[in-house]
Protein backbone atom coordinates (compact mmCIF):
# COMPACT_ATOMS: atom_id res chain seq x y z
CA MET A 1 93.63 -12.25 -87.58
CA LYS A 2 95.27 -9.67 -85.84
CA ARG A 3 93.29 -7.29 -87.34
CA ALA A 4 90.24 -8.69 -86.37
CA VAL A 5 91.58 -8.65 -82.38
CA ARG A 6 92.58 -4.99 -83.01
CA ALA A 7 89.07 -4.18 -84.05
CA LEU A 8 87.14 -6.28 -81.44
CA THR A 9 89.46 -4.58 -78.56
CA ALA A 10 88.63 -1.28 -80.14
CA ARG A 11 84.69 -1.91 -79.80
CA ARG A 12 84.84 -3.12 -76.40
CA PRO A 13 85.49 0.33 -74.99
CA ARG A 14 83.16 2.14 -77.34
CA ALA A 15 80.38 -0.33 -76.38
CA LEU A 16 81.13 -0.40 -72.78
CA SER A 17 81.17 3.79 -72.57
CA SER A 18 77.96 3.65 -74.56
CA LEU A 19 76.53 1.34 -71.89
CA LEU A 20 77.74 3.62 -69.02
CA VAL A 21 76.42 6.57 -70.72
CA ALA A 22 73.04 5.11 -71.11
CA LEU A 23 72.99 3.93 -67.69
CA GLY A 24 73.79 7.34 -66.30
CA LEU A 25 71.15 8.84 -68.56
CA THR A 26 68.36 6.27 -67.19
CA ALA A 27 69.40 7.05 -63.50
CA GLY A 28 69.38 10.64 -64.00
CA GLY A 29 66.02 10.46 -65.45
CA LEU A 30 64.57 8.20 -62.83
CA ALA A 31 66.27 10.54 -60.11
CA ALA A 32 64.37 13.86 -61.66
CA TRP A 33 61.08 11.69 -61.92
CA ALA A 34 61.38 10.67 -58.02
CA GLY A 35 62.30 14.20 -57.13
CA GLN A 36 59.52 15.73 -59.13
CA ASP A 37 57.01 13.16 -57.88
CA TRP A 38 58.36 13.79 -53.82
CA TYR A 39 57.78 17.36 -54.34
CA ALA A 40 54.27 17.26 -55.47
CA ALA A 41 53.37 15.02 -52.51
CA ALA A 42 55.16 17.24 -50.15
CA HIS A 43 53.27 20.21 -51.64
CA ASP A 44 49.75 18.43 -52.01
CA GLY A 45 46.87 19.96 -50.11
CA THR A 46 45.41 16.14 -49.36
CA ALA A 47 48.11 15.68 -46.71
CA ALA A 48 47.50 18.90 -44.89
CA TYR A 49 43.65 18.25 -44.85
CA ALA A 50 44.01 14.77 -43.48
CA GLU A 51 46.28 16.02 -41.04
CA GLN A 52 43.66 18.44 -39.76
CA ARG A 53 41.14 15.69 -39.85
CA ASP A 54 43.22 13.45 -37.53
CA ARG A 55 43.65 16.66 -34.92
CA ALA A 56 39.95 17.16 -35.29
CA LEU A 57 38.92 13.76 -34.36
CA ALA A 58 41.59 13.44 -31.76
CA ALA A 59 40.53 16.64 -29.98
CA GLY A 60 36.75 15.64 -30.78
CA GLU A 61 37.41 12.03 -28.94
CA GLN A 62 39.17 13.42 -26.07
CA ALA A 63 36.93 16.13 -25.34
CA VAL A 64 33.60 14.08 -25.54
CA LEU A 65 35.57 11.75 -23.13
CA ASN A 66 36.37 14.67 -20.51
CA LEU A 67 32.57 15.73 -20.91
CA ASN A 68 31.44 12.02 -19.85
CA THR A 69 34.16 11.91 -17.12
CA LEU A 70 33.29 13.08 -13.37
CA ASP A 71 33.91 12.27 -10.06
CA HIS A 72 32.00 13.74 -7.01
CA ARG A 73 35.31 13.58 -5.03
CA ASP A 74 36.87 16.11 -6.94
CA VAL A 75 34.40 18.13 -9.20
CA ASP A 76 36.11 21.05 -9.36
CA GLN A 77 38.64 19.39 -11.26
CA GLY A 78 36.69 17.76 -13.51
CA LEU A 79 34.46 20.85 -14.27
CA ASP A 80 37.48 23.00 -14.95
CA LEU A 81 38.31 20.39 -17.51
CA TRP A 82 34.96 20.35 -18.92
CA GLU A 83 35.57 23.99 -19.41
CA SER A 84 38.73 24.09 -20.96
CA SER A 85 37.24 21.40 -23.49
CA THR A 86 34.49 23.53 -24.81
CA THR A 87 33.84 26.93 -26.53
CA GLY A 88 31.03 28.87 -27.62
CA GLU A 89 27.52 28.78 -26.34
CA LEU A 90 28.33 25.11 -24.89
CA HIS A 91 31.06 26.48 -22.80
CA GLU A 92 28.75 29.64 -21.44
CA GLN A 93 25.85 26.89 -20.64
CA LEU A 94 28.64 24.75 -18.47
CA SER A 95 29.98 27.59 -16.92
CA ALA A 96 26.54 29.44 -15.85
CA GLY A 97 25.00 25.65 -14.61
CA ARG A 98 28.50 24.88 -12.84
CA ASP A 99 27.75 25.34 -9.30
CA GLU A 100 24.06 24.11 -9.00
CA PHE A 101 25.40 20.85 -11.04
CA ALA A 102 28.48 20.71 -8.76
CA ASP A 103 26.11 20.42 -5.95
CA GLN A 104 23.92 17.68 -7.52
CA VAL A 105 26.70 15.75 -8.40
CA ARG A 106 28.41 16.07 -4.67
CA GLU A 107 25.26 14.91 -3.07
CA ALA A 108 24.65 12.21 -5.53
CA LYS A 109 28.26 10.86 -4.79
CA THR A 110 28.81 9.40 -8.32
CA VAL A 111 31.76 8.69 -10.38
CA THR A 112 31.27 8.41 -14.07
CA THR A 113 34.03 7.23 -16.50
CA ALA A 114 34.08 6.99 -20.31
CA ARG A 115 35.75 5.10 -22.71
CA VAL A 116 35.92 6.08 -26.25
CA LEU A 117 34.97 2.88 -28.26
CA SER A 118 35.19 4.68 -31.93
CA GLY A 119 35.39 7.85 -33.80
CA ALA A 120 35.02 9.50 -36.90
CA VAL A 121 35.09 13.14 -38.58
CA THR A 122 31.61 13.31 -40.44
CA GLU A 123 32.44 17.16 -41.95
CA LEU A 124 35.49 19.08 -42.03
CA ASP A 125 35.86 22.82 -42.93
CA ASP A 126 39.48 23.57 -42.64
CA ARG A 127 39.26 27.18 -43.90
CA ALA A 128 36.52 27.86 -41.57
CA GLY A 129 37.68 26.34 -38.43
CA ARG A 130 34.52 23.77 -38.07
CA ALA A 131 34.36 20.08 -38.02
CA ARG A 132 31.83 17.44 -36.58
CA VAL A 133 32.31 14.58 -35.24
CA LEU A 134 30.75 11.26 -34.31
CA VAL A 135 31.73 9.21 -30.85
CA ALA A 136 30.46 5.98 -29.61
CA LEU A 137 31.49 5.66 -26.08
CA ARG A 138 30.77 3.71 -23.07
CA VAL A 139 30.13 5.51 -19.91
CA THR A 140 30.36 3.61 -16.28
CA VAL A 141 28.39 5.33 -13.74
CA LYS A 142 29.22 4.14 -10.11
CA ALA A 143 26.92 5.18 -7.29
CA ALA A 144 27.57 6.13 -3.71
CA ASP A 145 26.67 1.97 -2.90
CA GLY A 146 29.16 1.11 -5.42
CA ALA A 147 26.79 -0.22 -7.77
CA GLY A 148 27.89 0.56 -11.46
CA THR A 149 26.29 0.61 -14.91
CA ASP A 150 27.68 0.88 -18.29
CA LYS A 151 25.71 2.38 -21.02
CA ASP A 152 26.64 2.79 -24.62
CA SER A 153 26.03 6.01 -26.40
CA ARG A 154 26.43 7.82 -29.64
CA MET A 155 27.41 11.35 -29.40
CA LEU A 156 27.59 13.92 -32.15
CA GLY A 157 30.16 16.95 -31.44
CA GLU A 158 30.47 20.23 -33.23
CA LEU A 159 34.11 21.70 -33.08
CA THR A 160 35.17 25.09 -33.43
CA ARG A 161 39.24 25.92 -33.85
CA THR A 162 40.11 28.55 -31.44
CA GLY A 163 43.57 29.68 -30.47
CA GLY A 164 45.01 26.94 -33.02
CA ARG A 165 42.72 24.17 -31.00
CA TRP A 166 39.75 22.34 -31.70
CA LYS A 167 37.06 22.30 -29.21
CA LEU A 168 33.54 21.56 -28.44
CA SER A 169 31.05 23.89 -29.24
CA ALA A 170 28.04 21.76 -29.44
CA LEU A 171 27.41 18.22 -28.16
CA GLY A 172 24.33 15.99 -28.24
CA GLN A 173 23.25 12.44 -28.57
CA ALA A 174 23.23 11.08 -31.73
CA PRO A 175 19.94 9.27 -33.02
CA VAL A 176 19.77 5.40 -32.94
CA GLY A 177 18.28 3.20 -35.48
CA GLY A 178 16.89 4.19 -38.75
CA ALA A 179 14.15 6.00 -40.40
CA PRO A 180 10.91 4.20 -40.57
CA THR A 181 10.00 2.24 -43.70
CA GLY A 182 6.74 2.37 -45.32
């Protein structure tokens, strides 16, 4: 009987040691797997692409909002904002027609404000620094007599990354409705 008890107590430390070694190896394997998975995620180009897409969308929405907001009482500040939101041919067009447009807004005494309803990046070429956005917005125009009108519109914008920032390089109305069916 004493021999059986000694054999049993001798097996317990070995079994406990074996169990601890197995648990240690399992924990080490899981840590290695998790580390490899983390490394792969941290160096995945998809995250960087998504970040650029989000930056382009935010800049596009803000620029479209800027170009649809103007107050006759401070036209110069509004037009400065327009110019700082644009680049390329669009920027040149706005700069060239600035004085004439400012006179028209002051004479009409209008206040135009806009609110972005939704937006999406429809195309992104991160390497070339070009993107396209579709922005839905509600534009409110208040006339000198205080009467206001709301208009919902969809704008298509082209963005160009310049100096590390996304700026509008083209802007136009998005077509509304589908193609005719026959």
